[in-house]
Amino acid sequence: MSTIISIHSFRGGTGKSNTTANIAALLAADGARVGVVDTDIQSPGIHVLFNLDESEMVHSLNDYLWGKCAIEEAAHDVAAHLGAEVKGQIFLIPSSIKPGEIARILREGYDVGLLNDGFRDVVEKLKLDYLLIDTHPGLNEETLLSIAISNALVIILRPDSQDYQGTAVTVDVARKLDVPKMLMLVNKVPPQFDLEDVRTRVEQTYDATVAAVLPHSDEMMTLASSGIFAIRFPDHPITKGLRKLVDQLKA
């Protein structure tokens, strides 16, 4: 039985794609077959974390949505790009980074219902244990669809007043959609903050489980999305926090 997990944030800049890539790597390290779909079609970027070059993207999610290929044909095996051997596999379905194709999506839109079909098909065709959906920030039609079909939802926020307000909307929507499991991840916490105080405040604010509170990291900033943090820094406090999140997703 496969598990569909949406990773979402109400605002951009929370580290959503980084978190998605690291969750995928940790699951694959445990031997799982993991699919990752970049549904942030307007501003794609997770392919960079997996060192997938544009020249290697024979097909993208855009091609599937335009009827040019089957969903599994847009999946790229990126496990060999991690910089370390893992027992499992990671298949990335990137969105196109070609300006003309991004503009076409913005101009013409697409049949959001195809996403639902595609998610189900790729799970079956690639025999995935987990499918991770890297969503577009905010709430739109495809984000609501992703959340609605998910077995688990990870909501990422920073300890910031705008994030707190917007996240409340997302939490309320997720509850109305009856998502079976919802976990909070507080990211990029400044060193002046007490991590446990932040955890308590967030759990009380949203009446939801905080799976991890991750501190701001100079190592993360220096890595600058050029690789998977959990692979490069396996003993770092951030990696340990991400592992706690993964353990709860697997529970």
C-alpha atoms as a PDB file:
ATOM      1  CA  MET A   1       0.000   0.000   0.000  1.00  0.00           C
ATOM      2  CA  SER A   2       1.544   3.312  -1.070  1.00  0.00           C
ATOM      3  CA  THR A   3       1.411   6.573   0.906  1.00  0.00           C
ATOM      4  CA  ILE A   4       0.808   9.956  -0.717  1.00  0.00           C
ATOM      5  CA  ILE A   5       2.367  12.880   1.177  1.00  0.00           C
ATOM      6  CA  SER A   6       1.862  16.549   0.315  1.00  0.00           C
ATOM      7  CA  ILE A   7       4.458  19.052   1.527  1.00  0.00           C
ATOM      8  CA  HIS A   8       2.997  22.527   1.679  1.00  0.00           C
ATOM      9  CA  SER A   9       3.533  26.054   2.965  1.00  0.00           C
ATOM     10  CA  PHE A  10       1.258  29.065   2.749  1.00  0.00           C
ATOM     11  CA  ARG A  11       4.122  31.375   1.780  1.00  0.00           C
ATOM     12  CA  GLY A  12       7.227  30.898  -0.336  1.00  0.00           C
ATOM     13  CA  GLY A  13      10.718  30.830   1.113  1.00  0.00           C
ATOM     14  CA  THR A  14       9.981  28.371   3.917  1.00  0.00           C
ATOM     15  CA  GLY A  15      12.299  25.645   2.582  1.00  0.00           C
ATOM     16  CA  LYS A  16       9.478  23.486   1.212  1.00  0.00           C
ATOM     17  CA  SER A  17      11.347  22.006  -1.755  1.00  0.00           C
ATOM     18  CA  ASN A  18      14.458  21.437   0.356  1.00  0.00           C
ATOM     19  CA  THR A  19      12.364  19.613   2.930  1.00  0.00           C
ATOM     20  CA  THR A  20      10.656  17.506   0.252  1.00  0.00           C
ATOM     21  CA  ALA A  21      13.999  16.464  -1.248  1.00  0.00           C
ATOM     22  CA  ASN A  22      15.412  15.538   2.155  1.00  0.00           C
ATOM     23  CA  ILE A  23      12.334  13.506   3.115  1.00  0.00           C
ATOM     24  CA  ALA A  24      12.666  11.631  -0.176  1.00  0.00           C
ATOM     25  CA  ALA A  25      16.352  10.926   0.436  1.00  0.00           C
ATOM     26  CA  LEU A  26      15.772   9.665   3.988  1.00  0.00           C
ATOM     27  CA  LEU A  27      12.922   7.400   2.866  1.00  0.00           C
ATOM     28  CA  ALA A  28      15.068   6.032   0.025  1.00  0.00           C
ATOM     29  CA  ALA A  29      17.952   5.486   2.454  1.00  0.00           C
ATOM     30  CA  ASP A  30      15.582   3.183   4.367  1.00  0.00           C
ATOM     31  CA  GLY A  31      14.981   1.190   1.181  1.00  0.00           C
ATOM     32  CA  ALA A  32      11.733   2.737  -0.078  1.00  0.00           C
ATOM     33  CA  ARG A  33      10.745   3.427  -3.689  1.00  0.00           C
ATOM     34  CA  VAL A  34       9.894   7.127  -3.649  1.00  0.00           C
ATOM     35  CA  GLY A  35       8.293   9.357  -6.246  1.00  0.00           C
ATOM     36  CA  VAL A  36       8.563  13.158  -6.105  1.00  0.00           C
ATOM     37  CA  VAL A  37       6.323  15.433  -8.181  1.00  0.00           C
ATOM     38  CA  ASP A  38       7.111  19.134  -8.557  1.00  0.00           C
ATOM     39  CA  THR A  39       3.638  20.684  -8.895  1.00  0.00           C
ATOM     40  CA  ASP A  40       5.017  24.195  -8.335  1.00  0.00           C
ATOM     41  CA  ILE A  41       4.672  24.674 -12.078  1.00  0.00           C
ATOM     42  CA  GLN A  42       4.970  28.459 -11.935  1.00  0.00           C
ATOM     43  CA  SER A  43       8.331  28.432 -10.164  1.00  0.00           C
ATOM     44  CA  PRO A  44       9.877  24.945 -10.377  1.00  0.00           C
ATOM     45  CA  GLY A  45      13.170  24.214  -8.681  1.00  0.00           C
ATOM     46  CA  ILE A  46      13.398  20.918  -6.810  1.00  0.00           C
ATOM     47  CA  HIS A  47      15.321  19.365  -9.741  1.00  0.00           C
ATOM     48  CA  VAL A  48      18.301  21.528  -8.731  1.00  0.00           C
ATOM     49  CA  LEU A  49      18.523  19.763  -5.369  1.00  0.00           C
ATOM     50  CA  PHE A  50      18.712  16.415  -7.158  1.00  0.00           C
ATOM     51  CA  ASN A  51      21.355  17.715  -9.605  1.00  0.00           C
ATOM     52  CA  LEU A  52      19.056  17.008 -12.551  1.00  0.00           C
ATOM     53  CA  ASP A  53      20.190  19.127 -15.472  1.00  0.00           C
ATOM     54  CA  GLU A  54      17.730  20.614 -17.947  1.00  0.00           C
ATOM     55  CA  SER A  55      19.382  18.605 -20.730  1.00  0.00           C
ATOM     56  CA  GLU A  56      18.408  15.379 -18.922  1.00  0.00           C
ATOM     57  CA  MET A  57      14.714  16.298 -18.745  1.00  0.00           C
ATOM     58  CA  VAL A  58      13.405  14.338 -21.704  1.00  0.00           C
ATOM     59  CA  HIS A  59       9.857  14.894 -20.432  1.00  0.00           C
ATOM     60  CA  SER A  60       8.353  16.989 -17.641  1.00  0.00           C
ATOM     61  CA  LEU A  61       5.068  17.228 -15.767  1.00  0.00           C
ATOM     62  CA  ASN A  62       4.041  19.852 -18.342  1.00  0.00           C
ATOM     63  CA  ASP A  63       4.361  17.278 -21.140  1.00  0.00           C
ATOM     64  CA  TYR A  64       2.063  14.898 -19.278  1.00  0.00           C
ATOM     65  CA  LEU A  65      -0.516  17.641 -18.657  1.00  0.00           C
ATOM     66  CA  TRP A  66      -0.448  18.542 -22.374  1.00  0.00           C
ATOM     67  CA  GLY A  67      -0.905  14.904 -23.415  1.00  0.00           C
ATOM     68  CA  LYS A  68       2.594  14.487 -24.856  1.00  0.00           C
ATOM     69  CA  CYS A  69       3.615  11.534 -22.669  1.00  0.00           C
ATOM     70  CA  ALA A  70       2.445   9.144 -19.983  1.00  0.00           C
ATOM     71  CA  ILE A  71       3.131  10.275 -16.420  1.00  0.00           C
ATOM     72  CA  GLU A  72       5.749   7.563 -15.826  1.00  0.00           C
ATOM     73  CA  GLU A  73       7.669   8.740 -18.913  1.00  0.00           C
ATOM     74  CA  ALA A  74       8.253  12.064 -17.144  1.00  0.00           C
ATOM     75  CA  ALA A  75       9.853  10.300 -14.144  1.00  0.00           C
ATOM     76  CA  HIS A  76      13.635  10.518 -13.843  1.00  0.00           C
ATOM     77  CA  ASP A  77      15.624   8.138 -11.648  1.00  0.00           C
ATOM     78  CA  VAL A  78      17.744  10.537  -9.560  1.00  0.00           C
ATOM     79  CA  ALA A  79      19.038   8.196  -6.844  1.00  0.00           C
ATOM     80  CA  ALA A  80      22.462   8.114  -8.490  1.00  0.00           C
ATOM     81  CA  HIS A  81      22.631  11.929  -8.223  1.00  0.00           C
ATOM     82  CA  LEU A  82      22.504  11.976  -4.413  1.00  0.00           C
ATOM     83  CA  GLY A  83      26.242  11.664  -3.849  1.00  0.00           C
ATOM     84  CA  ALA A  84      25.801   8.569  -1.690  1.00  0.00           C
ATOM     85  CA  GLU A  85      24.362   5.111  -2.206  1.00  0.00           C
ATOM     86  CA  VAL A  86      20.836   4.461  -0.939  1.00  0.00           C
ATOM     87  CA  LYS A  87      18.993   1.164  -0.678  1.00  0.00           C
ATOM     88  CA  GLY A  88      15.848   2.490  -2.349  1.00  0.00           C
ATOM     89  CA  GLN A  89      15.072   4.590  -5.416  1.00  0.00           C
ATOM     90  CA  ILE A  90      13.887   8.135  -6.112  1.00  0.00           C
ATOM     91  CA  PHE A  91      11.916   9.049  -9.223  1.00  0.00           C
ATOM     92  CA  LEU A  92      11.537  12.786  -9.826  1.00  0.00           C
ATOM     93  CA  ILE A  93       8.838  14.228 -12.066  1.00  0.00           C
ATOM     94  CA  PRO A  94      10.041  17.799 -12.600  1.00  0.00           C
ATOM     95  CA  SER A  95       8.106  20.735 -13.958  1.00  0.00           C
ATOM     96  CA  SER A  96       9.552  22.426 -17.023  1.00  0.00           C
ATOM     97  CA  ILE A  97      11.971  25.296 -16.446  1.00  0.00           C
ATOM     98  CA  LYS A  98      11.650  26.570 -20.014  1.00  0.00           C
ATOM     99  CA  PRO A  99      10.263  30.134 -19.934  1.00  0.00           C
ATOM    100  CA  GLY A 100       7.951  29.516 -22.879  1.00  0.00           C
ATOM    101  CA  GLU A 101       6.403  26.442 -21.273  1.00  0.00           C
ATOM    102  CA  ILE A 102       5.940  28.193 -17.920  1.00  0.00           C
ATOM    103  CA  ALA A 103       4.293  31.091 -19.758  1.00  0.00           C
ATOM    104  CA  ARG A 104       1.979  28.686 -21.591  1.00  0.00           C
ATOM    105  CA  ILE A 105       0.812  27.132 -18.324  1.00  0.00           C
ATOM    106  CA  LEU A 106       0.161  30.583 -16.859  1.00  0.00           C
ATOM    107  CA  ARG A 107      -1.671  31.660 -20.014  1.00  0.00           C
ATOM    108  CA  GLU A 108      -3.719  28.540 -20.811  1.00  0.00           C
ATOM    109  CA  GLY A 109      -3.871  26.648 -17.544  1.00  0.00           C
ATOM    110  CA  TYR A 110      -4.463  22.875 -17.589  1.00  0.00           C
ATOM    111  CA  ASP A 111      -6.923  20.204 -16.567  1.00  0.00           C
ATOM    112  CA  VAL A 112      -6.289  19.857 -12.839  1.00  0.00           C
ATOM    113  CA  GLY A 113      -8.170  16.552 -12.855  1.00  0.00           C
ATOM    114  CA  LEU A 114      -5.299  15.085 -14.856  1.00  0.00           C
ATOM    115  CA  LEU A 115      -3.054  15.540 -11.826  1.00  0.00           C
ATOM    116  CA  ASN A 116      -5.213  13.205  -9.767  1.00  0.00           C
ATOM    117  CA  ASP A 117      -5.114  10.571 -12.524  1.00  0.00           C
ATOM    118  CA  GLY A 118      -1.371  11.054 -12.904  1.00  0.00           C
ATOM    119  CA  PHE A 119      -0.665  10.612  -9.209  1.00  0.00           C
ATOM    120  CA  ARG A 120      -2.565   7.329  -9.126  1.00  0.00           C
ATOM    121  CA  ASP A 121      -0.988   6.096 -12.357  1.00  0.00           C
ATOM    122  CA  VAL A 122       2.613   6.828 -11.366  1.00  0.00           C
ATOM    123  CA  VAL A 123       2.170   5.095  -8.004  1.00  0.00           C
ATOM    124  CA  GLU A 124       0.940   1.999  -9.804  1.00  0.00           C
ATOM    125  CA  LYS A 125       3.321   2.015 -12.784  1.00  0.00           C
ATOM    126  CA  LEU A 126       6.481   2.631 -10.718  1.00  0.00           C
ATOM    127  CA  LYS A 127       5.310   0.529  -7.741  1.00  0.00           C
ATOM    128  CA  LEU A 128       5.995   3.371  -5.329  1.00  0.00           C
ATOM    129  CA  ASP A 129       5.986   3.049  -1.569  1.00  0.00           C
ATOM    130  CA  TYR A 130       5.681   6.828  -1.207  1.00  0.00           C
ATOM    131  CA  LEU A 131       4.662   9.671  -3.500  1.00  0.00           C
ATOM    132  CA  LEU A 132       5.749  13.138  -2.334  1.00  0.00           C
ATOM    133  CA  ILE A 133       3.983  16.162  -3.798  1.00  0.00           C
ATOM    134  CA  ASP A 134       5.945  19.417  -3.665  1.00  0.00           C
ATOM    135  CA  THR A 135       3.052  21.888  -3.834  1.00  0.00           C
ATOM    136  CA  HIS A 136       2.759  25.498  -4.967  1.00  0.00           C
ATOM    137  CA  PRO A 137       2.708  27.926  -1.995  1.00  0.00           C
ATOM    138  CA  GLY A 138      -0.677  29.293  -1.001  1.00  0.00           C
ATOM    139  CA  LEU A 139      -4.014  27.731  -1.831  1.00  0.00           C
ATOM    140  CA  ASN A 140      -5.175  27.104  -5.381  1.00  0.00           C
ATOM    141  CA  GLU A 141      -7.044  24.354  -7.204  1.00  0.00           C
ATOM    142  CA  GLU A 142      -4.126  21.958  -7.666  1.00  0.00           C
ATOM    143  CA  THR A 143      -2.966  22.457  -4.075  1.00  0.00           C
ATOM    144  CA  LEU A 144      -6.440  21.647  -2.739  1.00  0.00           C
ATOM    145  CA  LEU A 145      -6.536  18.543  -4.938  1.00  0.00           C
ATOM    146  CA  SER A 146      -3.120  17.394  -3.700  1.00  0.00           C
ATOM    147  CA  ILE A 147      -4.120  17.861  -0.079  1.00  0.00           C
ATOM    148  CA  ALA A 148      -7.474  16.124  -0.600  1.00  0.00           C
ATOM    149  CA  ILE A 149      -5.963  12.903  -1.985  1.00  0.00           C
ATOM    150  CA  SER A 150      -3.065  12.749   0.477  1.00  0.00           C
ATOM    151  CA  ASN A 151      -2.647  10.256   3.280  1.00  0.00           C
ATOM    152  CA  ALA A 152      -0.456  12.774   5.093  1.00  0.00           C
ATOM    153  CA  LEU A 153       0.194  16.519   4.924  1.00  0.00           C
ATOM    154  CA  VAL A 154       3.335  18.290   6.126  1.00  0.00           C
ATOM    155  CA  ILE A 155       2.786  22.015   6.678  1.00  0.00           C
ATOM    156  CA  ILE A 156       5.962  24.083   6.873  1.00  0.00           C
ATOM    157  CA  LEU A 157       6.144  27.495   8.487  1.00  0.00           C
ATOM    158  CA  ARG A 158       8.680  29.881   9.913  1.00  0.00           C
ATOM    159  CA  PRO A 159       8.293  31.638  13.282  1.00  0.00           C
ATOM    160  CA  ASP A 160       6.946  34.711  11.516  1.00  0.00           C
ATOM    161  CA  SER A 161       3.649  36.571  12.027  1.00  0.00           C
ATOM    162  CA  GLN A 162       2.660  36.372   8.348  1.00  0.00           C
ATOM    163  CA  ASP A 163       3.405  32.639   8.304  1.00  0.00           C
ATOM    164  CA  TYR A 164       1.314  32.104  11.449  1.00  0.00           C
ATOM    165  CA  GLN A 165      -1.727  33.793   9.910  1.00  0.00           C
ATOM    166  CA  GLY A 166      -1.531  32.083   6.523  1.00  0.00           C
ATOM    167  CA  THR A 167      -0.822  28.689   8.034  1.00  0.00           C
ATOM    168  CA  ALA A 168      -4.029  28.928  10.077  1.00  0.00           C
ATOM    169  CA  VAL A 169      -5.958  29.026   6.791  1.00  0.00           C
ATOM    170  CA  THR A 170      -4.133  25.940   5.486  1.00  0.00           C
ATOM    171  CA  VAL A 171      -4.735  24.003   8.710  1.00  0.00           C
ATOM    172  CA  ASP A 172      -8.443  24.845   8.617  1.00  0.00           C
ATOM    173  CA  VAL A 173      -8.730  23.707   4.985  1.00  0.00           C
ATOM    174  CA  ALA A 174      -6.849  20.463   5.702  1.00  0.00           C
ATOM    175  CA  ARG A 175      -9.230  19.654   8.541  1.00  0.00           C
ATOM    176  CA  LYS A 176     -12.247  20.281   6.327  1.00  0.00           C
ATOM    177  CA  LEU A 177     -10.727  17.937   3.732  1.00  0.00           C
ATOM    178  CA  ASP A 178     -10.257  15.251   6.422  1.00  0.00           C
ATOM    179  CA  VAL A 179      -6.563  14.628   5.773  1.00  0.00           C
ATOM    180  CA  PRO A 180      -5.772  11.467   7.802  1.00  0.00           C
ATOM    181  CA  LYS A 181      -2.467  12.765   9.175  1.00  0.00           C
ATOM    182  CA  MET A 182      -1.272  16.372   9.496  1.00  0.00           C
ATOM    183  CA  LEU A 183       2.174  17.289  10.817  1.00  0.00           C
ATOM    184  CA  MET A 184       3.721  20.714  11.342  1.00  0.00           C
ATOM    185  CA  LEU A 185       7.364  21.531  10.644  1.00  0.00           C
ATOM    186  CA  VAL A 186       8.781  24.807  11.939  1.00  0.00           C
ATOM    187  CA  ASN A 187      11.802  25.798   9.864  1.00  0.00           C
ATOM    188  CA  LYS A 188      14.592  28.402   9.901  1.00  0.00           C
ATOM    189  CA  VAL A 189      14.219  29.268  13.583  1.00  0.00           C
ATOM    190  CA  PRO A 190      16.667  32.064  14.594  1.00  0.00           C
ATOM    191  CA  PRO A 191      19.285  31.110  17.205  1.00  0.00           C
ATOM    192  CA  GLN A 192      17.807  33.626  19.685  1.00  0.00           C
ATOM    193  CA  PHE A 193      14.606  31.552  19.924  1.00  0.00           C
ATOM    194  CA  ASP A 194      14.114  28.648  22.308  1.00  0.00           C
ATOM    195  CA  LEU A 195      13.156  25.659  20.139  1.00  0.00           C
ATOM    196  CA  GLU A 196      10.878  24.076  22.733  1.00  0.00           C
ATOM    197  CA  ASP A 197       9.068  27.360  23.311  1.00  0.00           C
ATOM    198  CA  VAL A 198       8.478  27.607  19.567  1.00  0.00           C
ATOM    199  CA  ARG A 199       7.153  24.027  19.494  1.00  0.00           C
ATOM    200  CA  THR A 200       4.748  24.719  22.369  1.00  0.00           C
ATOM    201  CA  ARG A 201       3.479  27.941  20.805  1.00  0.00           C
ATOM    202  CA  VAL A 202       2.806  26.326  17.420  1.00  0.00           C
ATOM    203  CA  GLU A 203       1.106  23.259  18.889  1.00  0.00           C
ATOM    204  CA  GLN A 204      -1.133  25.447  21.047  1.00  0.00           C
ATOM    205  CA  THR A 205      -1.905  27.821  18.161  1.00  0.00           C
ATOM    206  CA  TYR A 206      -3.016  25.128  15.712  1.00  0.00           C
ATOM    207  CA  ASP A 207      -3.874  22.226  18.033  1.00  0.00           C
ATOM    208  CA  ALA A 208      -1.657  20.083  15.795  1.00  0.00           C
ATOM    209  CA  THR A 209       1.429  17.902  16.175  1.00  0.00           C
ATOM    210  CA  VAL A 210       4.769  19.575  15.527  1.00  0.00           C
ATOM    211  CA  ALA A 211       7.004  16.829  14.149  1.00  0.00           C
ATOM    212  CA  ALA A 212      10.184  18.923  14.300  1.00  0.00           C
ATOM    213  CA  VAL A 213      11.524  22.406  14.950  1.00  0.00           C
ATOM    214  CA  LEU A 214      14.581  23.110  12.811  1.00  0.00           C
ATOM    215  CA  PRO A 215      17.082  25.862  13.625  1.00  0.00           C
ATOM    216  CA  HIS A 216      18.543  28.281  11.125  1.00  0.00           C
ATOM    217  CA  SER A 217      21.700  26.701   9.718  1.00  0.00           C
ATOM    218  CA  ASP A 218      24.752  28.353   8.183  1.00  0.00           C
ATOM    219  CA  GLU A 219      25.632  24.965   6.666  1.00  0.00           C
ATOM    220  CA  MET A 220      22.249  24.856   4.929  1.00  0.00           C
ATOM    221  CA  MET A 221      22.751  28.375   3.587  1.00  0.00           C
ATOM    222  CA  THR A 222      26.268  27.538   2.392  1.00  0.00           C
ATOM    223  CA  LEU A 223      25.080  24.383   0.636  1.00  0.00           C
ATOM    224  CA  ALA A 224      22.768  26.724  -1.318  1.00  0.00           C
ATOM    225  CA  SER A 225      20.524  23.979  -2.763  1.00  0.00           C
ATOM    226  CA  SER A 226      23.471  22.277  -4.463  1.00  0.00           C
ATOM    227  CA  GLY A 227      22.676  18.914  -2.879  1.00  0.00           C
ATOM    228  CA  ILE A 228      20.639  17.028  -0.291  1.00  0.00           C
ATOM    229  CA  PHE A 229      21.431  18.291   3.212  1.00  0.00           C
ATOM    230  CA  ALA A 230      20.620  15.023   5.010  1.00  0.00           C
ATOM    231  CA  ILE A 231      23.107  13.196   2.772  1.00  0.00           C
ATOM    232  CA  ARG A 232      25.864  15.772   3.176  1.00  0.00           C
ATOM    233  CA  PHE A 233      25.355  16.300   6.926  1.00  0.00           C
ATOM    234  CA  PRO A 234      23.947  13.038   8.355  1.00  0.00           C
ATOM    235  CA  ASP A 235      24.692  13.942  12.003  1.00  0.00           C
ATOM    236  CA  HIS A 236      23.512  17.558  11.909  1.00  0.00           C
ATOM    237  CA  PRO A 237      20.641  18.627  14.227  1.00  0.00           C
ATOM    238  CA  ILE A 238      18.557  19.504  11.156  1.00  0.00           C
ATOM    239  CA  THR A 239      18.992  16.001   9.747  1.00  0.00           C
ATOM    240  CA  LYS A 240      18.034  14.521  13.116  1.00  0.00           C
ATOM    241  CA  GLY A 241      14.905  16.676  13.128  1.00  0.00           C
ATOM    242  CA  LEU A 242      14.027  15.604   9.590  1.00  0.00           C
ATOM    243  CA  ARG A 243      14.507  11.983  10.625  1.00  0.00           C
ATOM    244  CA  LYS A 244      11.951  12.495  13.423  1.00  0.00           C
ATOM    245  CA  LEU A 245       9.544  13.846  10.824  1.00  0.00           C
ATOM    246  CA  VAL A 246      10.127  10.852   8.540  1.00  0.00           C
ATOM    247  CA  ASP A 247       9.629   8.420  11.419  1.00  0.00           C
ATOM    248  CA  GLN A 248       6.236   9.996  12.152  1.00  0.00           C
ATOM    249  CA  LEU A 249       5.254   9.877   8.493  1.00  0.00           C
ATOM    250  CA  LYS A 250       6.077   6.160   8.430  1.00  0.00           C
ATOM    251  CA  ALA A 251       4.204   5.432  11.687  1.00  0.00           C
END
